[in-house]
PDB file of all heavy atoms in Angstrom:
ATOM      1  N   ILE A   1      18.527   6.010  -6.650  1.00  0.00           N
ATOM      2  CA  ILE A   1      17.249   5.302  -6.778  1.00  0.00           C
ATOM      3  C   ILE A   1      17.511   3.824  -7.063  1.00  0.00           C
ATOM      4  O   ILE A   1      16.756   2.948  -6.635  1.00  0.00           O
ATOM      5  CB  ILE A   1      16.395   5.915  -7.910  1.00  0.00           C
ATOM      6  CG1 ILE A   1      16.038   7.364  -7.568  1.00  0.00           C
ATOM      7  CG2 ILE A   1      15.128   5.104  -8.161  1.00  0.00           C
ATOM      8  CD1 ILE A   1      15.269   8.082  -8.662  1.00  0.00           C
ATOM      9  N   PHE A   2      18.619   3.549  -7.769  1.00  0.00           N
ATOM     10  CA  PHE A   2      18.958   2.176  -8.147  1.00  0.00           C
ATOM     11  C   PHE A   2      19.893   1.512  -7.143  1.00  0.00           C
ATOM     12  O   PHE A   2      19.782   0.321  -6.872  1.00  0.00           O
ATOM     13  CB  PHE A   2      19.613   2.162  -9.535  1.00  0.00           C
ATOM     14  CG  PHE A   2      18.752   2.725 -10.624  1.00  0.00           C
ATOM     15  CD1 PHE A   2      18.910   4.045 -11.031  1.00  0.00           C
ATOM     16  CD2 PHE A   2      17.785   1.958 -11.236  1.00  0.00           C
ATOM     17  CE1 PHE A   2      18.128   4.575 -12.047  1.00  0.00           C
ATOM     18  CE2 PHE A   2      16.998   2.476 -12.250  1.00  0.00           C
ATOM     19  CZ  PHE A   2      17.159   3.787 -12.649  1.00  0.00           C
ATOM     20  N   PHE A   3      20.851   2.281  -6.604  1.00  0.00           N
ATOM     21  CA  PHE A   3      21.823   1.708  -5.677  1.00  0.00           C
ATOM     22  C   PHE A   3      22.338   2.815  -4.758  1.00  0.00           C
ATOM     23  O   PHE A   3      22.189   4.003  -5.054  1.00  0.00           O
ATOM     24  CB  PHE A   3      22.997   1.068  -6.435  1.00  0.00           C
ATOM     25  CG  PHE A   3      23.630   1.975  -7.452  1.00  0.00           C
ATOM     26  CD1 PHE A   3      24.613   2.899  -7.099  1.00  0.00           C
ATOM     27  CD2 PHE A   3      23.238   1.916  -8.788  1.00  0.00           C
ATOM     28  CE1 PHE A   3      25.187   3.740  -8.037  1.00  0.00           C
ATOM     29  CE2 PHE A   3      23.824   2.748  -9.735  1.00  0.00           C
ATOM     30  CZ  PHE A   3      24.795   3.652  -9.359  1.00  0.00           C
ATOM     31  N   HIS A   4      22.920   2.412  -3.651  1.00  0.00           N
ATOM     32  CA  HIS A   4      23.415   3.376  -2.666  1.00  0.00           C
ATOM     33  C   HIS A   4      24.676   4.060  -3.175  1.00  0.00           C
ATOM     34  O   HIS A   4      25.620   3.401  -3.623  1.00  0.00           O
ATOM     35  CB  HIS A   4      23.720   2.683  -1.337  1.00  0.00           C
ATOM     36  CG  HIS A   4      24.347   3.585  -0.321  1.00  0.00           C
ATOM     37  ND1 HIS A   4      23.690   4.671   0.229  1.00  0.00           N
ATOM     38  CD2 HIS A   4      25.594   3.577   0.228  1.00  0.00           C
ATOM     39  CE1 HIS A   4      24.487   5.285   1.077  1.00  0.00           C
ATOM     40  NE2 HIS A   4      25.644   4.643   1.102  1.00  0.00           N
ATOM     41  N   VAL A   5      24.683   5.375  -3.142  1.00  0.00           N
ATOM     42  CA  VAL A   5      25.861   6.162  -3.511  1.00  0.00           C
ATOM     43  C   VAL A   5      26.462   6.739  -2.231  1.00  0.00           C
ATOM     44  O   VAL A   5      25.811   7.556  -1.557  1.00  0.00           O
ATOM     45  CB  VAL A   5      25.486   7.312  -4.475  1.00  0.00           C
ATOM     46  CG1 VAL A   5      26.724   8.122  -4.835  1.00  0.00           C
ATOM     47  CG2 VAL A   5      24.817   6.760  -5.733  1.00  0.00           C
ATOM     48  N   PRO A   6      27.658   6.330  -1.838  1.00  0.00           N
ATOM     49  CA  PRO A   6      28.262   6.830  -0.598  1.00  0.00           C
ATOM     50  C   PRO A   6      28.376   8.351  -0.588  1.00  0.00           C
ATOM     51  O   PRO A   6      28.650   8.970  -1.624  1.00  0.00           O
ATOM     52  CB  PRO A   6      29.652   6.172  -0.593  1.00  0.00           C
ATOM     53  CG  PRO A   6      29.501   4.966  -1.459  1.00  0.00           C
ATOM     54  CD  PRO A   6      28.522   5.357  -2.527  1.00  0.00           C
ATOM     55  N   GLU A   7      28.158   8.941   0.587  1.00  0.00           N
ATOM     56  CA  GLU A   7      28.191  10.395   0.708  1.00  0.00           C
ATOM     57  C   GLU A   7      29.561  10.968   0.362  1.00  0.00           C
ATOM     58  O   GLU A   7      29.664  12.093  -0.132  1.00  0.00           O
ATOM     59  CB  GLU A   7      27.799  10.821   2.139  1.00  0.00           C
ATOM     60  CG  GLU A   7      26.331  10.725   2.454  1.00  0.00           C
ATOM     61  CD  GLU A   7      25.818   9.293   2.541  1.00  0.00           C
ATOM     62  OE1 GLU A   7      26.628   8.397   2.877  1.00  0.00           O
ATOM     63  OE2 GLU A   7      24.622   9.072   2.277  1.00  0.00           O
ATOM     64  N   ILE A   8      30.611  10.188   0.587  1.00  0.00           N
ATOM     65  CA  ILE A   8      31.958  10.672   0.284  1.00  0.00           C
ATOM     66  C   ILE A   8      32.120  10.893  -1.220  1.00  0.00           C
ATOM     67  O   ILE A   8      32.786  11.829  -1.668  1.00  0.00           O
ATOM     68  CB  ILE A   8      33.023   9.661   0.798  1.00  0.00           C
ATOM     69  CG1 ILE A   8      34.427  10.201   0.580  1.00  0.00           C
ATOM     70  CG2 ILE A   8      32.853   8.313   0.123  1.00  0.00           C
ATOM     71  CD1 ILE A   8      34.744  11.436   1.372  1.00  0.00           C
ATOM     72  N   ILE A   9      31.452  10.052  -2.022  1.00  0.00           N
ATOM     73  CA  ILE A   9      31.514  10.215  -3.478  1.00  0.00           C
ATOM     74  C   ILE A   9      30.700  11.435  -3.892  1.00  0.00           C
ATOM     75  O   ILE A   9      31.142  12.249  -4.715  1.00  0.00           O
ATOM     76  CB  ILE A   9      30.991   8.947  -4.188  1.00  0.00           C
ATOM     77  CG1 ILE A   9      31.922   7.765  -3.911  1.00  0.00           C
ATOM     78  CG2 ILE A   9      30.853   9.184  -5.692  1.00  0.00           C
ATOM     79  CD1 ILE A   9      31.468   6.467  -4.546  1.00  0.00           C
ATOM     80  N   THR A  10      29.501  11.570  -3.325  1.00  0.00           N
ATOM     81  CA  THR A  10      28.650  12.715  -3.647  1.00  0.00           C
ATOM     82  C   THR A  10      29.348  14.029  -3.325  1.00  0.00           C
ATOM     83  O   THR A  10      29.325  14.969  -4.126  1.00  0.00           O
ATOM     84  CB  THR A  10      27.327  12.631  -2.868  1.00  0.00           C
ATOM     85  OG1 THR A  10      26.711  11.372  -3.111  1.00  0.00           O
ATOM     86  CG2 THR A  10      26.379  13.744  -3.287  1.00  0.00           C
ATOM     87  N   GLY A  11      29.967  14.092  -2.139  1.00  0.00           N
ATOM     88  CA  GLY A  11      30.664  15.312  -1.749  1.00  0.00           C
ATOM     89  C   GLY A  11      31.909  15.571  -2.584  1.00  0.00           C
ATOM     90  O   GLY A  11      32.221  16.718  -2.913  1.00  0.00           O
ATOM     91  N   SER A  12      32.620  14.499  -2.944  1.00  0.00           N
ATOM     92  CA  SER A  12      33.846  14.649  -3.720  1.00  0.00           C
ATOM     93  C   SER A  12      33.571  15.195  -5.115  1.00  0.00           C
ATOM     94  O   SER A  12      34.381  15.946  -5.669  1.00  0.00           O
ATOM     95  CB  SER A  12      34.564  13.298  -3.835  1.00  0.00           C
ATOM     96  OG  SER A  12      34.926  12.817  -2.558  1.00  0.00           O
ATOM     97  N   ILE A  13      32.429  14.824  -5.698  1.00  0.00           N
ATOM     98  CA  ILE A  13      32.071  15.322  -7.024  1.00  0.00           C
ATOM     99  C   ILE A  13      31.990  16.850  -7.012  1.00  0.00           C
ATOM    100  O   ILE A  13      32.560  17.537  -7.864  1.00  0.00           O
ATOM    101  CB  ILE A  13      30.725  14.727  -7.491  1.00  0.00           C
ATOM    102  CG1 ILE A  13      30.859  13.226  -7.737  1.00  0.00           C
ATOM    103  CG2 ILE A  13      30.233  15.425  -8.768  1.00  0.00           C
ATOM    104  CD1 ILE A  13      29.546  12.539  -8.039  1.00  0.00           C
ATOM    105  N   GLY A  14      31.266  17.385  -6.020  1.00  0.00           N
ATOM    106  CA  GLY A  14      31.108  18.831  -5.913  1.00  0.00           C
ATOM    107  C   GLY A  14      32.424  19.536  -5.676  1.00  0.00           C
ATOM    108  O   GLY A  14      32.738  20.530  -6.339  1.00  0.00           O
ATOM    109  N   LEU A  15      33.214  19.017  -4.733  1.00  0.00           N
ATOM    110  CA  LEU A  15      34.492  19.649  -4.419  1.00  0.00           C
ATOM    111  C   LEU A  15      35.441  19.625  -5.612  1.00  0.00           C
ATOM    112  O   LEU A  15      36.166  20.593  -5.869  1.00  0.00           O
ATOM    113  CB  LEU A  15      35.140  18.943  -3.226  1.00  0.00           C
ATOM    114  CG  LEU A  15      34.630  19.327  -1.842  1.00  0.00           C
ATOM    115  CD1 LEU A  15      35.362  18.535  -0.769  1.00  0.00           C
ATOM    116  CD2 LEU A  15      34.807  20.818  -1.587  1.00  0.00           C
ATOM    117  N   ALA A  16      35.436  18.526  -6.354  1.00  0.00           N
ATOM    118  CA  ALA A  16      36.341  18.398  -7.499  1.00  0.00           C
ATOM    119  C   ALA A  16      36.029  19.445  -8.566  1.00  0.00           C
ATOM    120  O   ALA A  16      36.939  20.112  -9.076  1.00  0.00           O
ATOM    121  CB  ALA A  16      36.235  16.992  -8.086  1.00  0.00           C
ATOM    122  N   PHE A  17      34.749  19.619  -8.897  1.00  0.00           N
ATOM    123  CA  PHE A  17      34.374  20.602  -9.915  1.00  0.00           C
ATOM    124  C   PHE A  17      34.661  22.027  -9.456  1.00  0.00           C
ATOM    125  O   PHE A  17      35.190  22.846 -10.229  1.00  0.00           O
ATOM    126  CB  PHE A  17      32.891  20.456 -10.265  1.00  0.00           C
ATOM    127  CG  PHE A  17      32.608  19.396 -11.285  1.00  0.00           C
ATOM    128  CD1 PHE A  17      31.830  18.293 -10.975  1.00  0.00           C
ATOM    129  CD2 PHE A  17      33.117  19.506 -12.567  1.00  0.00           C
ATOM    130  CE1 PHE A  17      31.575  17.313 -11.915  1.00  0.00           C
ATOM    131  CE2 PHE A  17      32.863  18.531 -13.521  1.00  0.00           C
ATOM    132  CZ  PHE A  17      32.088  17.426 -13.202  1.00  0.00           C
ATOM    133  N   VAL A  18      34.316  22.341  -8.211  1.00  0.00           N
ATOM    134  CA  VAL A  18      34.537  23.693  -7.699  1.00  0.00           C
ATOM    135  C   VAL A  18      36.030  23.993  -7.620  1.00  0.00           C
ATOM    136  O   VAL A  18      36.482  25.088  -7.988  1.00  0.00           O
ATOM    137  CB  VAL A  18      33.870  23.865  -6.318  1.00  0.00           C
ATOM    138  CG1 VAL A  18      34.269  25.199  -5.696  1.00  0.00           C
ATOM    139  CG2 VAL A  18      32.359  23.789  -6.443  1.00  0.00           C
ATOM    140  N   ALA A  19      36.806  23.027  -7.145  1.00  0.00           N
ATOM    141  CA  ALA A  19      38.255  23.223  -7.041  1.00  0.00           C
ATOM    142  C   ALA A  19      38.884  23.413  -8.423  1.00  0.00           C
ATOM    143  O   ALA A  19      39.745  24.282  -8.616  1.00  0.00           O
ATOM    144  CB  ALA A  19      38.895  22.039  -6.333  1.00  0.00           C
ATOM    145  N   ALA A  20      38.445  22.620  -9.400  1.00  0.00           N
ATOM    146  CA  ALA A  20      38.989  22.732 -10.756  1.00  0.00           C
ATOM    147  C   ALA A  20      38.634  24.080 -11.382  1.00  0.00           C
ATOM    148  O   ALA A  20      39.473  24.715 -12.036  1.00  0.00           O
ATOM    149  CB  ALA A  20      38.457  21.591 -11.622  1.00  0.00           C
ATOM    150  N   SER A  21      37.380  24.524 -11.175  1.00  0.00           N
ATOM    151  CA  SER A  21      36.974  25.824 -11.731  1.00  0.00           C
ATOM    152  C   SER A  21      37.692  26.974 -11.032  1.00  0.00           C
ATOM    153  O   SER A  21      38.001  27.994 -11.651  1.00  0.00           O
ATOM    154  CB  SER A  21      35.460  26.000 -11.610  1.00  0.00           C
ATOM    155  OG  SER A  21      35.042  26.004 -10.259  1.00  0.00           O
ATOM    156  N   TYR A  22      37.966  26.809  -9.749  1.00  0.00           N
ATOM    157  CA  TYR A  22      38.728  27.825  -9.003  1.00  0.00           C
ATOM    158  C   TYR A  22      40.142  27.944  -9.555  1.00  0.00           C
ATOM    159  O   TYR A  22      40.661  29.057  -9.778  1.00  0.00           O
ATOM    160  CB  TYR A  22      38.764  27.453  -7.520  1.00  0.00           C
ATOM    161  CG  TYR A  22      39.588  28.393  -6.661  1.00  0.00           C
ATOM    162  CD1 TYR A  22      39.082  29.635  -6.281  1.00  0.00           C
ATOM    163  CD2 TYR A  22      40.856  28.026  -6.220  1.00  0.00           C
ATOM    164  CE1 TYR A  22      39.839  30.503  -5.493  1.00  0.00           C
ATOM    165  CE2 TYR A  22      41.616  28.875  -5.432  1.00  0.00           C
ATOM    166  CZ  TYR A  22      41.094  30.117  -5.072  1.00  0.00           C
ATOM    167  OH  TYR A  22      41.845  30.964  -4.299  1.00  0.00           O
ATOM    168  N   TYR A  23      40.774  26.801  -9.816  1.00  0.00           N
ATOM    169  CA  TYR A  23      42.128  26.802 -10.379  1.00  0.00           C
ATOM    170  C   TYR A  23      42.133  27.443 -11.768  1.00  0.00           C
ATOM    171  O   TYR A  23      43.020  28.253 -12.090  1.00  0.00           O
ATOM    172  CB  TYR A  23      42.655  25.370 -10.450  1.00  0.00           C
ATOM    173  CG  TYR A  23      43.981  25.243 -11.171  1.00  0.00           C
ATOM    174  CD1 TYR A  23      45.175  25.597 -10.541  1.00  0.00           C
ATOM    175  CD2 TYR A  23      44.029  24.761 -12.488  1.00  0.00           C
ATOM    176  CE1 TYR A  23      46.387  25.489 -11.213  1.00  0.00           C
ATOM    177  CE2 TYR A  23      45.238  24.659 -13.155  1.00  0.00           C
ATOM    178  CZ  TYR A  23      46.409  25.023 -12.521  1.00  0.00           C
ATOM    179  OH  TYR A  23      47.602  24.922 -13.192  1.00  0.00           O
ATOM    180  N   SER A  24      41.147  27.094 -12.585  1.00  0.00           N
ATOM    181  CA  SER A  24      41.063  27.675 -13.933  1.00  0.00           C
ATOM    182  C   SER A  24      40.842  29.178 -13.872  1.00  0.00           C
ATOM    183  O   SER A  24      41.387  29.932 -14.683  1.00  0.00           O
ATOM    184  CB  SER A  24      39.920  27.016 -14.714  1.00  0.00           C
ATOM    185  OG  SER A  24      40.162  25.640 -14.894  1.00  0.00           O
ATOM    186  N   SER A  25      40.048  29.616 -12.892  1.00  0.00           N
ATOM    187  CA  SER A  25      39.779  31.046 -12.741  1.00  0.00           C
ATOM    188  C   SER A  25      41.043  31.804 -12.358  1.00  0.00           C
ATOM    189  O   SER A  25      41.323  32.886 -12.887  1.00  0.00           O
ATOM    190  CB  SER A  25      38.692  31.267 -11.688  1.00  0.00           C
ATOM    191  OG  SER A  25      37.485  30.640 -12.061  1.00  0.00           O
ATOM    192  N   LEU A  26      41.811  31.247 -11.427  1.00  0.00           N
ATOM    193  CA  LEU A  26      43.068  31.883 -11.022  1.00  0.00           C
ATOM    194  C   LEU A  26      44.036  31.949 -12.194  1.00  0.00           C
ATOM    195  O   LEU A  26      44.717  32.963 -12.408  1.00  0.00           O
ATOM    196  CB  LEU A  26      43.700  31.102  -9.866  1.00  0.00           C
ATOM    197  CG  LEU A  26      43.025  31.191  -8.500  1.00  0.00           C
ATOM    198  CD1 LEU A  26      43.798  30.364  -7.481  1.00  0.00           C
ATOM    199  CD2 LEU A  26      42.943  32.642  -8.034  1.00  0.00           C
ATOM    200  N   LYS A  27      44.096  30.867 -12.953  1.00  0.00           N
ATOM    201  CA  LYS A  27      44.982  30.817 -14.108  1.00  0.00           C
ATOM    202  C   LYS A  27      44.587  31.867 -15.146  1.00  0.00           C
ATOM    203  O   LYS A  27      45.438  32.575 -15.689  1.00  0.00           O
ATOM    204  CB  LYS A  27      44.932  29.415 -14.726  1.00  0.00           C
ATOM    205  CG  LYS A  27      45.949  29.177 -15.814  1.00  0.00           C
ATOM    206  CD  LYS A  27      45.883  27.734 -16.290  1.00  0.00           C
ATOM    207  CE  LYS A  27      46.899  27.489 -17.405  1.00  0.00           C
ATOM    208  NZ  LYS A  27      46.844  26.070 -17.884  1.00  0.00           N
ATOM    209  N   GLU A  28      43.283  31.993 -15.378  1.00  0.00           N
ATOM    210  CA  GLU A  28      42.780  32.976 -16.352  1.00  0.00           C
ATOM    211  C   GLU A  28      43.050  34.400 -15.868  1.00  0.00           C
ATOM    212  O   GLU A  28      43.400  35.281 -16.662  1.00  0.00           O
ATOM    213  CB  GLU A  28      41.280  32.761 -16.550  1.00  0.00           C
ATOM    214  CG  GLU A  28      40.615  33.705 -17.529  1.00  0.00           C
ATOM    215  CD  GLU A  28      40.969  33.408 -18.969  1.00  0.00           C
ATOM    216  OE1 GLU A  28      41.565  32.328 -19.216  1.00  0.00           O
ATOM    217  OE2 GLU A  28      40.690  34.232 -19.842  1.00  0.00           O
ATOM    218  N   ARG A  29      42.891  34.609 -14.569  1.00  0.00           N
ATOM    219  CA  ARG A  29      43.126  35.949 -14.011  1.00  0.00           C
ATOM    220  C   ARG A  29      44.580  36.358 -14.148  1.00  0.00           C
ATOM    221  O   ARG A  29      44.890  37.522 -14.438  1.00  0.00           O
ATOM    222  CB  ARG A  29      42.696  35.976 -12.537  1.00  0.00           C
ATOM    223  CG  ARG A  29      42.656  37.369 -11.937  1.00  0.00           C
ATOM    224  CD  ARG A  29      41.955  37.355 -10.584  1.00  0.00           C
ATOM    225  NE  ARG A  29      42.700  36.640  -9.575  1.00  0.00           N
ATOM    226  CZ  ARG A  29      42.308  36.489  -8.308  1.00  0.00           C
ATOM    227  NH1 ARG A  29      41.138  37.017  -7.948  1.00  0.00           N
ATOM    228  NH2 ARG A  29      43.018  35.826  -7.446  1.00  0.00           N
ATOM    229  N   LYS A  30      45.498  35.421 -13.948  1.00  0.00           N
ATOM    230  CA  LYS A  30      46.917  35.717 -14.111  1.00  0.00           C
ATOM    231  C   LYS A  30      47.258  36.057 -15.561  1.00  0.00           C
ATOM    232  O   LYS A  30      48.061  36.947 -15.831  1.00  0.00           O
ATOM    233  CB  LYS A  30      47.752  34.516 -13.633  1.00  0.00           C
ATOM    234  CG  LYS A  30      47.724  34.316 -12.140  1.00  0.00           C
ATOM    235  CD  LYS A  30      48.562  33.109 -11.742  1.00  0.00           C
ATOM    236  CE  LYS A  30      48.549  32.915 -10.225  1.00  0.00           C
ATOM    237  NZ  LYS A  30      49.344  31.712  -9.813  1.00  0.00           N
ATOM    238  N   ILE A  31      46.626  35.345 -16.501  1.00  0.00           N
ATOM    239  CA  ILE A  31      46.866  35.596 -17.923  1.00  0.00           C
ATOM    240  C   ILE A  31      46.394  36.986 -18.302  1.00  0.00           C
ATOM    241  O   ILE A  31      47.080  37.746 -19.002  1.00  0.00           O
ATOM    242  CB  ILE A  31      46.158  34.535 -18.788  1.00  0.00           C
ATOM    243  CG1 ILE A  31      46.802  33.163 -18.568  1.00  0.00           C
ATOM    244  CG2 ILE A  31      46.203  34.905 -20.258  1.00  0.00           C
ATOM    245  CD1 ILE A  31      46.088  32.027 -19.273  1.00  0.00           C
ATOM    246  N   LEU A  32      45.191  37.351 -17.813  1.00  0.00           N
ATOM    247  CA  LEU A  32      44.639  38.677 -18.115  1.00  0.00           C
ATOM    248  C   LEU A  32      45.485  39.779 -17.484  1.00  0.00           C
ATOM    249  O   LEU A  32      45.669  40.850 -18.071  1.00  0.00           O
ATOM    250  CB  LEU A  32      43.191  38.767 -17.621  1.00  0.00           C
ATOM    251  CG  LEU A  32      42.175  37.882 -18.354  1.00  0.00           C
ATOM    252  CD1 LEU A  32      40.795  37.994 -17.697  1.00  0.00           C
ATOM    253  CD2 LEU A  32      42.079  38.287 -19.818  1.00  0.00           C
ATOM    254  N   ALA A  33      45.963  39.511 -16.253  1.00  0.00           N
ATOM    255  CA  ALA A  33      46.793  40.520 -15.575  1.00  0.00           C
ATOM    256  C   ALA A  33      48.113  40.731 -16.304  1.00  0.00           C
ATOM    257  O   ALA A  33      48.651  41.839 -16.359  1.00  0.00           O
ATOM    258  CB  ALA A  33      47.048  40.078 -14.141  1.00  0.00           C
ATOM    259  N   ALA A  34      48.640  39.649 -16.892  1.00  0.00           N
ATOM    260  CA  ALA A  34      49.911  39.761 -17.619  1.00  0.00           C
ATOM    261  C   ALA A  34      49.731  40.477 -18.944  1.00  0.00           C
ATOM    262  O   ALA A  34      50.656  41.116 -19.447  1.00  0.00           O
ATOM    263  CB  ALA A  34      50.487  38.362 -17.852  1.00  0.00           C
TER     264      ALA A  34
END
């Protein structure tokens, strides 16, 4: 609303959070399996 936010930044925000949560989930699953 105040300034233009490039689509690459908008998309990167989503991918970064999903990728980080995916990594944390895999890590947690390995710990539980062990």
